[in-house]
Amino acid sequence: MNQSWWIPIDKLTYWRAGTWVRYEAKSYNLSLRIHCDQLLLTNNNKILESLNMNGKMKGIYKGDVLILILSTGPQEIRKIKFQLKLHVDQCLQKLGERFLVVSHNSSSKNVVERYRNIEDVFQNVIEECGSNKMSSSLPLPSNFSNFVKLCLLDPAFPSYVQETRKIIETEILKKT
């Protein structure tokens, strides 16, 4: 690991059972390392976490605190939080070359509108498509209609729609 990029970190915590749990160790020589396509959290020379940066990973920072959000499976999301000790901007830039890293303050506009049901969500999207709000969005790929046809022909498509609806209702709209 001598040829890998690294930076010292502090206050390493993991999200478990709805709360942040601090990493307890006898020695606190914690560091964040990039080695090949792996993001490593280490204590001295012991690897605590090895995270594949080619997977679904996102970083959210506020000041010198960074939260990594990883999707490790269809139903599993992990969160790891730590404080960067040195060269915060350089670290965020280096990590931003490998995966999305956004500021907590500029992540997205605050949503003030609440939706009563899924139909309200779709209605709002349709209204925005007709307004100038969506004019700054990226154009659709030229083969998008083929993609939609392929989705519609997939026998599993109805189950994808149902699962998407459940995710929107439970995760985004916070309905149970």
N, C-alpha and C. Protein backbone atom coordinates (compact mmCIF):
# COMPACT_ATOMS: atom_id res chain seq x y z
N MET A 1 0.81 -1.20 0.00
CA MET A 1 0.00 0.00 0.00
C MET A 1 0.85 1.26 0.00
N ASN A 2 2.15 1.14 -0.15
CA ASN A 2 3.01 2.30 -0.11
C ASN A 2 2.79 3.23 -1.30
N GLN A 3 2.34 2.73 -2.44
CA GLN A 3 2.18 3.55 -3.63
C GLN A 3 0.76 4.11 -3.77
N SER A 4 -0.07 3.91 -2.78
CA SER A 4 -1.44 4.40 -2.87
C SER A 4 -1.54 5.82 -2.32
N TRP A 5 -2.54 6.55 -2.80
CA TRP A 5 -2.83 7.89 -2.29
C TRP A 5 -3.54 7.74 -0.96
N TRP A 6 -3.23 8.58 0.03
CA TRP A 6 -3.89 8.48 1.32
C TRP A 6 -3.97 9.84 2.00
N ILE A 7 -4.90 9.92 2.95
CA ILE A 7 -5.07 11.13 3.75
C ILE A 7 -5.54 10.70 5.14
N PRO A 8 -5.06 11.37 6.20
CA PRO A 8 -5.51 11.00 7.54
C PRO A 8 -6.96 11.44 7.78
N ILE A 9 -7.68 10.60 8.52
CA ILE A 9 -9.07 10.92 8.87
C ILE A 9 -9.26 10.75 10.37
N ASP A 10 -10.40 11.19 10.85
CA ASP A 10 -10.72 11.11 12.27
C ASP A 10 -12.21 10.86 12.42
N LYS A 11 -12.63 10.47 13.60
CA LYS A 11 -14.04 10.30 13.95
C LYS A 11 -14.79 9.39 12.97
N LEU A 12 -14.27 8.21 12.75
CA LEU A 12 -14.89 7.24 11.85
C LEU A 12 -16.13 6.64 12.50
N THR A 13 -17.27 6.74 11.81
CA THR A 13 -18.53 6.18 12.31
C THR A 13 -19.25 5.44 11.20
N TYR A 14 -20.07 4.48 11.60
CA TYR A 14 -20.86 3.67 10.67
C TYR A 14 -22.33 3.85 11.03
N TRP A 15 -23.20 3.81 10.01
CA TRP A 15 -24.64 3.89 10.24
C TRP A 15 -25.15 2.47 10.46
N ARG A 16 -25.63 2.21 11.67
CA ARG A 16 -26.15 0.88 11.99
C ARG A 16 -27.43 1.03 12.80
N ALA A 17 -28.45 0.34 12.38
CA ALA A 17 -29.74 0.29 13.10
C ALA A 17 -30.28 1.67 13.42
N GLY A 18 -30.15 2.60 12.46
CA GLY A 18 -30.74 3.92 12.61
C GLY A 18 -29.95 4.92 13.42
N THR A 19 -28.68 4.63 13.71
CA THR A 19 -27.86 5.57 14.47
C THR A 19 -26.39 5.46 14.05
N TRP A 20 -25.62 6.52 14.28
CA TRP A 20 -24.20 6.50 13.97
C TRP A 20 -23.46 5.81 15.12
N VAL A 21 -22.64 4.82 14.78
CA VAL A 21 -21.86 4.06 15.75
C VAL A 21 -20.39 4.36 15.49
N ARG A 22 -19.69 4.84 16.51
CA ARG A 22 -18.29 5.21 16.36
C ARG A 22 -17.39 3.97 16.34
N TYR A 23 -16.40 4.00 15.45
CA TYR A 23 -15.42 2.92 15.40
C TYR A 23 -14.52 3.04 16.62
N GLU A 24 -14.45 1.98 17.38
CA GLU A 24 -13.62 1.97 18.59
C GLU A 24 -12.38 1.13 18.32
N ALA A 25 -11.24 1.70 18.62
CA ALA A 25 -9.98 0.98 18.42
C ALA A 25 -8.98 1.42 19.49
N LYS A 26 -7.96 0.60 19.68
CA LYS A 26 -6.92 0.93 20.64
C LYS A 26 -6.03 2.05 20.10
N SER A 27 -5.82 2.06 18.80
CA SER A 27 -5.00 3.07 18.15
C SER A 27 -5.86 3.86 17.18
N TYR A 28 -5.65 5.15 17.14
CA TYR A 28 -6.45 5.99 16.25
C TYR A 28 -5.58 6.61 15.16
N ASN A 29 -4.95 5.78 14.39
CA ASN A 29 -4.16 6.23 13.26
C ASN A 29 -4.95 5.91 11.99
N LEU A 30 -6.12 6.52 11.87
CA LEU A 30 -7.05 6.23 10.78
C LEU A 30 -6.65 6.97 9.51
N SER A 31 -6.85 6.31 8.37
CA SER A 31 -6.58 6.98 7.10
C SER A 31 -7.52 6.47 6.02
N LEU A 32 -7.68 7.31 5.02
CA LEU A 32 -8.46 7.00 3.83
C LEU A 32 -7.46 6.83 2.70
N ARG A 33 -7.54 5.71 2.00
CA ARG A 33 -6.57 5.41 0.93
C ARG A 33 -7.28 5.04 -0.35
N ILE A 34 -6.66 5.42 -1.46
CA ILE A 34 -7.09 4.94 -2.77
C ILE A 34 -5.98 4.06 -3.29
N HIS A 35 -6.33 2.82 -3.55
CA HIS A 35 -5.38 1.87 -4.13
C HIS A 35 -6.08 1.16 -5.28
N CYS A 36 -5.62 1.40 -6.49
CA CYS A 36 -6.26 0.90 -7.71
C CYS A 36 -7.70 1.41 -7.73
N ASP A 37 -8.68 0.52 -7.77
CA ASP A 37 -10.08 0.95 -7.79
C ASP A 37 -10.75 0.74 -6.43
N GLN A 38 -9.95 0.60 -5.39
CA GLN A 38 -10.48 0.38 -4.04
C GLN A 38 -10.28 1.62 -3.17
N LEU A 39 -11.30 1.94 -2.40
CA LEU A 39 -11.21 2.98 -1.38
C LEU A 39 -11.08 2.24 -0.06
N LEU A 40 -9.98 2.45 0.63
CA LEU A 40 -9.69 1.71 1.85
C LEU A 40 -9.75 2.63 3.06
N LEU A 41 -10.39 2.17 4.11
CA LEU A 41 -10.35 2.82 5.41
C LEU A 41 -9.45 1.95 6.27
N THR A 42 -8.37 2.54 6.77
CA THR A 42 -7.37 1.75 7.50
C THR A 42 -7.10 2.35 8.87
N ASN A 43 -6.64 1.48 9.76
CA ASN A 43 -6.15 1.87 11.08
C ASN A 43 -4.76 1.28 11.18
N ASN A 44 -3.74 2.13 11.18
CA ASN A 44 -2.35 1.70 11.02
C ASN A 44 -2.27 0.94 9.70
N ASN A 45 -1.89 -0.31 9.70
CA ASN A 45 -1.84 -1.09 8.46
C ASN A 45 -2.98 -2.09 8.34
N LYS A 46 -3.96 -2.00 9.23
CA LYS A 46 -5.10 -2.91 9.21
C LYS A 46 -6.22 -2.28 8.36
N ILE A 47 -6.73 -3.05 7.40
CA ILE A 47 -7.82 -2.58 6.55
C ILE A 47 -9.14 -2.80 7.29
N LEU A 48 -9.84 -1.70 7.55
CA LEU A 48 -11.14 -1.78 8.22
C LEU A 48 -12.26 -1.96 7.21
N GLU A 49 -12.16 -1.27 6.09
CA GLU A 49 -13.16 -1.34 5.02
C GLU A 49 -12.45 -1.29 3.68
N SER A 50 -12.91 -2.08 2.74
CA SER A 50 -12.44 -2.04 1.36
C SER A 50 -13.66 -1.84 0.48
N LEU A 51 -13.74 -0.69 -0.17
CA LEU A 51 -14.92 -0.31 -0.94
C LEU A 51 -14.55 -0.19 -2.41
N ASN A 52 -15.28 -0.88 -3.25
CA ASN A 52 -15.05 -0.83 -4.69
C ASN A 52 -15.63 0.46 -5.24
N MET A 53 -14.78 1.32 -5.78
CA MET A 53 -15.24 2.61 -6.30
C MET A 53 -15.94 2.49 -7.63
N ASN A 54 -15.92 1.31 -8.24
CA ASN A 54 -16.66 1.10 -9.48
C ASN A 54 -18.12 0.77 -9.20
N GLY A 55 -18.45 0.53 -7.95
CA GLY A 55 -19.84 0.25 -7.56
C GLY A 55 -20.62 1.53 -7.40
N LYS A 56 -21.82 1.40 -6.87
CA LYS A 56 -22.68 2.56 -6.65
C LYS A 56 -22.26 3.24 -5.35
N MET A 57 -21.58 4.38 -5.50
CA MET A 57 -21.06 5.10 -4.35
C MET A 57 -21.27 6.59 -4.57
N LYS A 58 -21.56 7.31 -3.48
CA LYS A 58 -21.74 8.75 -3.54
C LYS A 58 -21.18 9.33 -2.26
N GLY A 59 -20.60 10.51 -2.36
CA GLY A 59 -20.10 11.21 -1.20
C GLY A 59 -20.83 12.52 -1.00
N ILE A 60 -21.16 12.82 0.24
CA ILE A 60 -21.78 14.10 0.59
C ILE A 60 -20.91 14.72 1.68
N TYR A 61 -20.48 15.97 1.46
CA TYR A 61 -19.62 16.60 2.45
C TYR A 61 -20.22 17.92 2.95
N LYS A 62 -19.84 18.24 4.16
CA LYS A 62 -20.17 19.53 4.75
C LYS A 62 -18.97 19.92 5.59
N GLY A 63 -18.29 20.98 5.17
CA GLY A 63 -17.05 21.35 5.84
C GLY A 63 -16.02 20.27 5.62
N ASP A 64 -15.46 19.75 6.71
CA ASP A 64 -14.45 18.69 6.59
C ASP A 64 -15.01 17.30 6.91
N VAL A 65 -16.33 17.17 6.98
CA VAL A 65 -16.96 15.88 7.26
C VAL A 65 -17.52 15.30 5.96
N LEU A 66 -17.21 14.05 5.71
CA LEU A 66 -17.65 13.36 4.50
C LEU A 66 -18.46 12.13 4.88
N ILE A 67 -19.60 11.98 4.22
CA ILE A 67 -20.42 10.77 4.38
C ILE A 67 -20.39 10.03 3.06
N LEU A 68 -20.02 8.76 3.10
CA LEU A 68 -20.05 7.90 1.92
C LEU A 68 -21.32 7.06 1.98
N ILE A 69 -22.05 7.04 0.87
CA ILE A 69 -23.27 6.24 0.78
C ILE A 69 -23.03 5.20 -0.30
N LEU A 70 -23.16 3.93 0.06
CA LEU A 70 -22.87 2.83 -0.85
C LEU A 70 -24.08 1.94 -0.99
N SER A 71 -24.38 1.58 -2.21
CA SER A 71 -25.43 0.60 -2.47
C SER A 71 -24.73 -0.72 -2.73
N THR A 72 -24.85 -1.65 -1.78
CA THR A 72 -24.14 -2.92 -1.90
C THR A 72 -25.02 -4.05 -2.38
N GLY A 73 -26.28 -3.78 -2.56
CA GLY A 73 -27.21 -4.80 -3.04
C GLY A 73 -28.56 -4.16 -3.30
N PRO A 74 -29.50 -4.95 -3.76
CA PRO A 74 -30.80 -4.37 -4.08
C PRO A 74 -31.53 -3.80 -2.87
N GLN A 75 -31.29 -4.31 -1.69
CA GLN A 75 -31.98 -3.83 -0.50
C GLN A 75 -31.04 -3.25 0.55
N GLU A 76 -29.74 -3.15 0.25
CA GLU A 76 -28.79 -2.75 1.28
C GLU A 76 -28.06 -1.46 0.90
N ILE A 77 -28.13 -0.49 1.80
CA ILE A 77 -27.40 0.76 1.64
C ILE A 77 -26.57 0.95 2.90
N ARG A 78 -25.29 1.23 2.72
CA ARG A 78 -24.40 1.45 3.85
C ARG A 78 -23.97 2.90 3.87
N LYS A 79 -23.75 3.43 5.08
CA LYS A 79 -23.29 4.80 5.24
C LYS A 79 -22.09 4.80 6.17
N ILE A 80 -21.06 5.54 5.77
CA ILE A 80 -19.84 5.66 6.56
C ILE A 80 -19.52 7.15 6.64
N LYS A 81 -19.22 7.63 7.85
CA LYS A 81 -18.94 9.06 8.04
C LYS A 81 -17.60 9.22 8.72
N PHE A 82 -16.84 10.25 8.31
CA PHE A 82 -15.57 10.54 8.94
C PHE A 82 -15.19 12.00 8.70
N GLN A 83 -14.20 12.46 9.45
CA GLN A 83 -13.71 13.82 9.32
C GLN A 83 -12.36 13.78 8.62
N LEU A 84 -12.19 14.63 7.62
CA LEU A 84 -10.92 14.74 6.91
C LEU A 84 -10.01 15.65 7.72
N LYS A 85 -8.77 15.22 7.99
CA LYS A 85 -7.88 16.00 8.84
C LYS A 85 -7.09 17.06 8.06
N LEU A 86 -6.68 16.75 6.84
CA LEU A 86 -5.82 17.64 6.06
C LEU A 86 -6.29 17.73 4.62
N HIS A 87 -5.95 18.82 3.96
CA HIS A 87 -6.14 18.98 2.51
C HIS A 87 -7.54 18.56 2.06
N VAL A 88 -8.54 19.13 2.69
CA VAL A 88 -9.93 18.75 2.42
C VAL A 88 -10.28 18.92 0.95
N ASP A 89 -9.97 20.09 0.37
CA ASP A 89 -10.33 20.34 -1.03
C ASP A 89 -9.66 19.37 -1.98
N GLN A 90 -8.37 19.08 -1.74
CA GLN A 90 -7.66 18.12 -2.59
C GLN A 90 -8.27 16.73 -2.47
N CYS A 91 -8.63 16.35 -1.27
CA CYS A 91 -9.23 15.03 -1.06
C CYS A 91 -10.56 14.93 -1.79
N LEU A 92 -11.41 15.95 -1.65
CA LEU A 92 -12.71 15.92 -2.32
C LEU A 92 -12.55 15.90 -3.83
N GLN A 93 -11.56 16.62 -4.34
CA GLN A 93 -11.30 16.61 -5.78
C GLN A 93 -10.84 15.23 -6.23
N LYS A 94 -9.95 14.62 -5.47
CA LYS A 94 -9.44 13.29 -5.82
C LYS A 94 -10.56 12.26 -5.81
N LEU A 95 -11.40 12.30 -4.78
CA LEU A 95 -12.52 11.36 -4.71
C LEU A 95 -13.55 11.66 -5.80
N GLY A 96 -13.74 12.95 -6.12
CA GLY A 96 -14.68 13.35 -7.17
C GLY A 96 -14.29 12.85 -8.55
N GLU A 97 -13.03 12.51 -8.74
CA GLU A 97 -12.60 11.93 -10.01
C GLU A 97 -13.07 10.49 -10.15
N ARG A 98 -13.40 9.84 -9.03
CA ARG A 98 -13.77 8.42 -9.02
C ARG A 98 -15.26 8.17 -8.87
N PHE A 99 -15.96 9.06 -8.13
CA PHE A 99 -17.41 8.92 -7.92
C PHE A 99 -17.97 10.29 -7.56
N LEU A 100 -19.29 10.40 -7.58
CA LEU A 100 -19.96 11.66 -7.32
C LEU A 100 -19.76 12.10 -5.88
N VAL A 101 -19.27 13.34 -5.71
CA VAL A 101 -19.10 13.94 -4.40
C VAL A 101 -19.76 15.31 -4.45
N VAL A 102 -20.76 15.53 -3.60
CA VAL A 102 -21.51 16.79 -3.63
C VAL A 102 -21.50 17.44 -2.25
N SER A 103 -21.68 18.75 -2.25
CA SER A 103 -21.78 19.51 -1.01
C SER A 103 -23.18 19.36 -0.44
N HIS A 104 -23.26 19.21 0.86
CA HIS A 104 -24.56 19.12 1.53
C HIS A 104 -25.37 20.39 1.28
N ASN A 105 -24.70 21.53 1.23
CA ASN A 105 -25.39 22.81 1.06
C ASN A 105 -25.92 23.01 -0.35
N SER A 106 -25.28 22.42 -1.35
CA SER A 106 -25.71 22.65 -2.73
C SER A 106 -26.26 21.38 -3.37
N SER A 107 -26.61 20.38 -2.57
CA SER A 107 -27.02 19.10 -3.13
C SER A 107 -28.20 19.22 -4.07
N SER A 108 -29.26 19.84 -3.65
CA SER A 108 -30.41 20.07 -4.52
C SER A 108 -31.31 21.06 -3.83
N LYS A 109 -32.21 21.64 -4.61
CA LYS A 109 -33.10 22.62 -4.00
C LYS A 109 -33.99 21.92 -2.97
N ASN A 110 -34.31 22.64 -1.93
CA ASN A 110 -35.18 22.07 -0.90
C ASN A 110 -36.57 21.86 -1.47
N VAL A 111 -37.11 20.72 -1.19
CA VAL A 111 -38.44 20.40 -1.67
C VAL A 111 -39.43 20.92 -0.65
N VAL A 112 -40.23 21.88 -1.07
CA VAL A 112 -41.22 22.44 -0.16
C VAL A 112 -42.60 21.88 -0.47
N GLU A 113 -42.78 21.39 -1.66
CA GLU A 113 -44.07 20.87 -2.05
C GLU A 113 -44.19 19.42 -1.57
N ARG A 114 -45.28 19.10 -0.90
CA ARG A 114 -45.52 17.74 -0.43
C ARG A 114 -46.58 17.11 -1.32
N TYR A 115 -46.43 15.86 -1.59
CA TYR A 115 -47.36 15.15 -2.45
C TYR A 115 -48.23 14.24 -1.60
N ARG A 116 -49.49 14.16 -1.94
CA ARG A 116 -50.41 13.31 -1.21
C ARG A 116 -50.37 11.88 -1.71
N ASN A 117 -50.11 11.70 -3.00
CA ASN A 117 -50.08 10.35 -3.56
C ASN A 117 -49.19 10.33 -4.79
N ILE A 118 -49.00 9.15 -5.34
CA ILE A 118 -48.10 8.98 -6.47
C ILE A 118 -48.58 9.73 -7.70
N GLU A 119 -49.89 9.86 -7.84
CA GLU A 119 -50.44 10.58 -8.98
C GLU A 119 -50.02 12.05 -8.94
N ASP A 120 -49.93 12.63 -7.73
CA ASP A 120 -49.48 14.02 -7.61
C ASP A 120 -48.03 14.18 -8.07
N VAL A 121 -47.21 13.18 -7.78
CA VAL A 121 -45.81 13.22 -8.22
C VAL A 121 -45.76 13.24 -9.74
N PHE A 122 -46.48 12.31 -10.37
CA PHE A 122 -46.46 12.25 -11.83
C PHE A 122 -47.06 13.50 -12.45
N GLN A 123 -48.12 14.02 -11.86
CA GLN A 123 -48.74 15.24 -12.38
C GLN A 123 -47.75 16.40 -12.33
N ASN A 124 -47.00 16.51 -11.24
CA ASN A 124 -46.01 17.57 -11.12
C ASN A 124 -44.92 17.43 -12.18
N VAL A 125 -44.46 16.21 -12.43
CA VAL A 125 -43.44 15.98 -13.45
C VAL A 125 -43.97 16.37 -14.83
N ILE A 126 -45.21 15.99 -15.12
CA ILE A 126 -45.81 16.33 -16.41
C ILE A 126 -45.92 17.84 -16.57
N GLU A 127 -46.33 18.53 -15.51
CA GLU A 127 -46.44 19.99 -15.58
C GLU A 127 -45.08 20.63 -15.79
N GLU A 128 -44.04 20.11 -15.12
CA GLU A 128 -42.70 20.66 -15.28
C GLU A 128 -42.18 20.42 -16.69
N CYS A 129 -42.52 19.29 -17.29
CA CYS A 129 -42.07 19.00 -18.65
C CYS A 129 -42.64 20.02 -19.63
N GLY A 130 -43.83 20.50 -19.37
CA GLY A 130 -44.45 21.49 -20.24
C GLY A 130 -43.97 22.90 -19.98
N SER A 131 -43.29 23.13 -18.87
CA SER A 131 -42.83 24.47 -18.54
C SER A 131 -41.36 24.63 -18.93
N ASN A 132 -40.83 25.81 -18.67
CA ASN A 132 -39.43 26.10 -18.99
C ASN A 132 -38.48 25.53 -17.96
N LYS A 133 -38.99 24.98 -16.86
CA LYS A 133 -38.12 24.42 -15.82
C LYS A 133 -37.27 23.28 -16.37
N MET A 134 -37.81 22.52 -17.29
CA MET A 134 -37.11 21.35 -17.81
C MET A 134 -36.25 21.67 -19.03
N SER A 135 -36.24 22.90 -19.48
CA SER A 135 -35.52 23.23 -20.71
C SER A 135 -34.02 23.08 -20.54
N SER A 136 -33.51 23.14 -19.32
CA SER A 136 -32.07 23.02 -19.11
C SER A 136 -31.63 21.57 -18.96
N SER A 137 -32.55 20.61 -19.01
CA SER A 137 -32.18 19.21 -18.85
C SER A 137 -31.50 18.70 -20.11
N LEU A 138 -30.81 17.60 -19.97
CA LEU A 138 -30.08 17.02 -21.09
C LEU A 138 -31.05 16.43 -22.11
N PRO A 139 -30.69 16.47 -23.38
CA PRO A 139 -31.56 15.85 -24.39
C PRO A 139 -31.53 14.33 -24.25
N LEU A 140 -32.62 13.71 -24.67
CA LEU A 140 -32.69 12.25 -24.62
C LEU A 140 -31.78 11.66 -25.69
N PRO A 141 -31.21 10.49 -25.44
CA PRO A 141 -30.40 9.83 -26.46
C PRO A 141 -31.25 9.51 -27.69
N SER A 142 -30.61 9.41 -28.84
CA SER A 142 -31.34 9.16 -30.08
C SER A 142 -32.03 7.79 -30.08
N ASN A 143 -31.51 6.84 -29.34
CA ASN A 143 -32.10 5.50 -29.31
C ASN A 143 -33.02 5.30 -28.10
N PHE A 144 -33.52 6.38 -27.51
CA PHE A 144 -34.35 6.27 -26.32
C PHE A 144 -35.65 5.52 -26.59
N SER A 145 -36.26 5.74 -27.74
CA SER A 145 -37.53 5.04 -28.03
C SER A 145 -37.30 3.53 -28.10
N ASN A 146 -36.15 3.11 -28.64
CA ASN A 146 -35.83 1.68 -28.66
C ASN A 146 -35.67 1.13 -27.24
N PHE A 147 -35.06 1.93 -26.38
CA PHE A 147 -34.90 1.53 -24.99
C PHE A 147 -36.26 1.34 -24.32
N VAL A 148 -37.19 2.29 -24.54
CA VAL A 148 -38.52 2.19 -23.95
C VAL A 148 -39.24 0.95 -24.47
N LYS A 149 -39.13 0.69 -25.79
CA LYS A 149 -39.77 -0.50 -26.36
C LYS A 149 -39.20 -1.77 -25.74
N LEU A 150 -37.89 -1.79 -25.57
CA LEU A 150 -37.24 -2.95 -24.96
C LEU A 150 -37.74 -3.16 -23.53
N CYS A 151 -37.88 -2.08 -22.78
CA CYS A 151 -38.41 -2.18 -21.41
C CYS A 151 -39.83 -2.74 -21.41
N LEU A 152 -40.65 -2.23 -22.31
CA LEU A 152 -42.05 -2.67 -22.36
C LEU A 152 -42.19 -4.13 -22.77
N LEU A 153 -41.24 -4.63 -23.55
CA LEU A 153 -41.28 -6.02 -23.98
C LEU A 153 -40.70 -6.98 -22.93
N ASP A 154 -39.98 -6.45 -21.97
CA ASP A 154 -39.39 -7.27 -20.92
C ASP A 154 -40.50 -7.85 -20.05
N PRO A 155 -40.56 -9.19 -19.88
CA PRO A 155 -41.62 -9.79 -19.06
C PRO A 155 -41.58 -9.33 -17.60
N ALA A 156 -40.44 -8.89 -17.14
CA ALA A 156 -40.32 -8.46 -15.74
C ALA A 156 -40.69 -6.99 -15.55
N PHE A 157 -41.00 -6.29 -16.63
CA PHE A 157 -41.27 -4.85 -16.54
C PHE A 157 -42.37 -4.50 -15.55
N PRO A 158 -43.51 -5.20 -15.53
CA PRO A 158 -44.55 -4.84 -14.55
C PRO A 158 -44.06 -4.92 -13.10
N SER A 159 -43.22 -5.90 -12.80
CA SER A 159 -42.71 -5.99 -11.43
C SER A 159 -41.74 -4.85 -11.14
N TYR A 160 -40.97 -4.39 -12.15
CA TYR A 160 -40.09 -3.24 -11.96
C TYR A 160 -40.91 -1.99 -11.64
N VAL A 161 -42.03 -1.84 -12.33
CA VAL A 161 -42.90 -0.69 -12.10
C VAL A 161 -43.45 -0.73 -10.68
N GLN A 162 -43.90 -1.89 -10.23
CA GLN A 162 -44.44 -2.02 -8.88
C GLN A 162 -43.37 -1.73 -7.83
N GLU A 163 -42.16 -2.26 -8.03
CA GLU A 163 -41.08 -2.01 -7.08
C GLU A 163 -40.69 -0.54 -7.06
N THR A 164 -40.67 0.09 -8.25
CA THR A 164 -40.36 1.51 -8.33
C THR A 164 -41.40 2.32 -7.57
N ARG A 165 -42.64 1.98 -7.73
CA ARG A 165 -43.72 2.67 -7.02
C ARG A 165 -43.54 2.52 -5.51
N LYS A 166 -43.21 1.31 -5.05
CA LYS A 166 -42.99 1.09 -3.62
C LYS A 166 -41.84 1.95 -3.10
N ILE A 167 -40.76 2.01 -3.87
CA ILE A 167 -39.60 2.80 -3.46
C ILE A 167 -39.97 4.27 -3.38
N ILE A 168 -40.69 4.76 -4.38
CA ILE A 168 -41.10 6.16 -4.37
C ILE A 168 -41.97 6.45 -3.16
N GLU A 169 -42.91 5.56 -2.89
CA GLU A 169 -43.82 5.79 -1.77
C GLU A 169 -43.11 5.70 -0.42
N THR A 170 -42.23 4.72 -0.25
CA THR A 170 -41.61 4.53 1.07
C THR A 170 -40.38 5.39 1.27
N GLU A 171 -39.54 5.52 0.27
CA GLU A 171 -38.29 6.24 0.44
C GLU A 171 -38.42 7.73 0.15
N ILE A 172 -39.11 8.07 -0.91
CA ILE A 172 -39.17 9.47 -1.33
C ILE A 172 -40.33 10.19 -0.66
N LEU A 173 -41.48 9.58 -0.67
CA LEU A 173 -42.66 10.22 -0.09
C LEU A 173 -42.84 9.89 1.38
N LYS A 174 -42.04 8.95 1.89
CA LYS A 174 -42.05 8.55 3.30
C LYS A 174 -43.41 8.04 3.75
N LYS A 175 -44.07 7.28 2.87
CA LYS A 175 -45.33 6.63 3.25
C LYS A 175 -45.00 5.21 3.69
N THR A 176 -45.80 4.68 4.59
CA THR A 176 -45.58 3.29 5.00
C THR A 176 -46.76 2.43 4.64
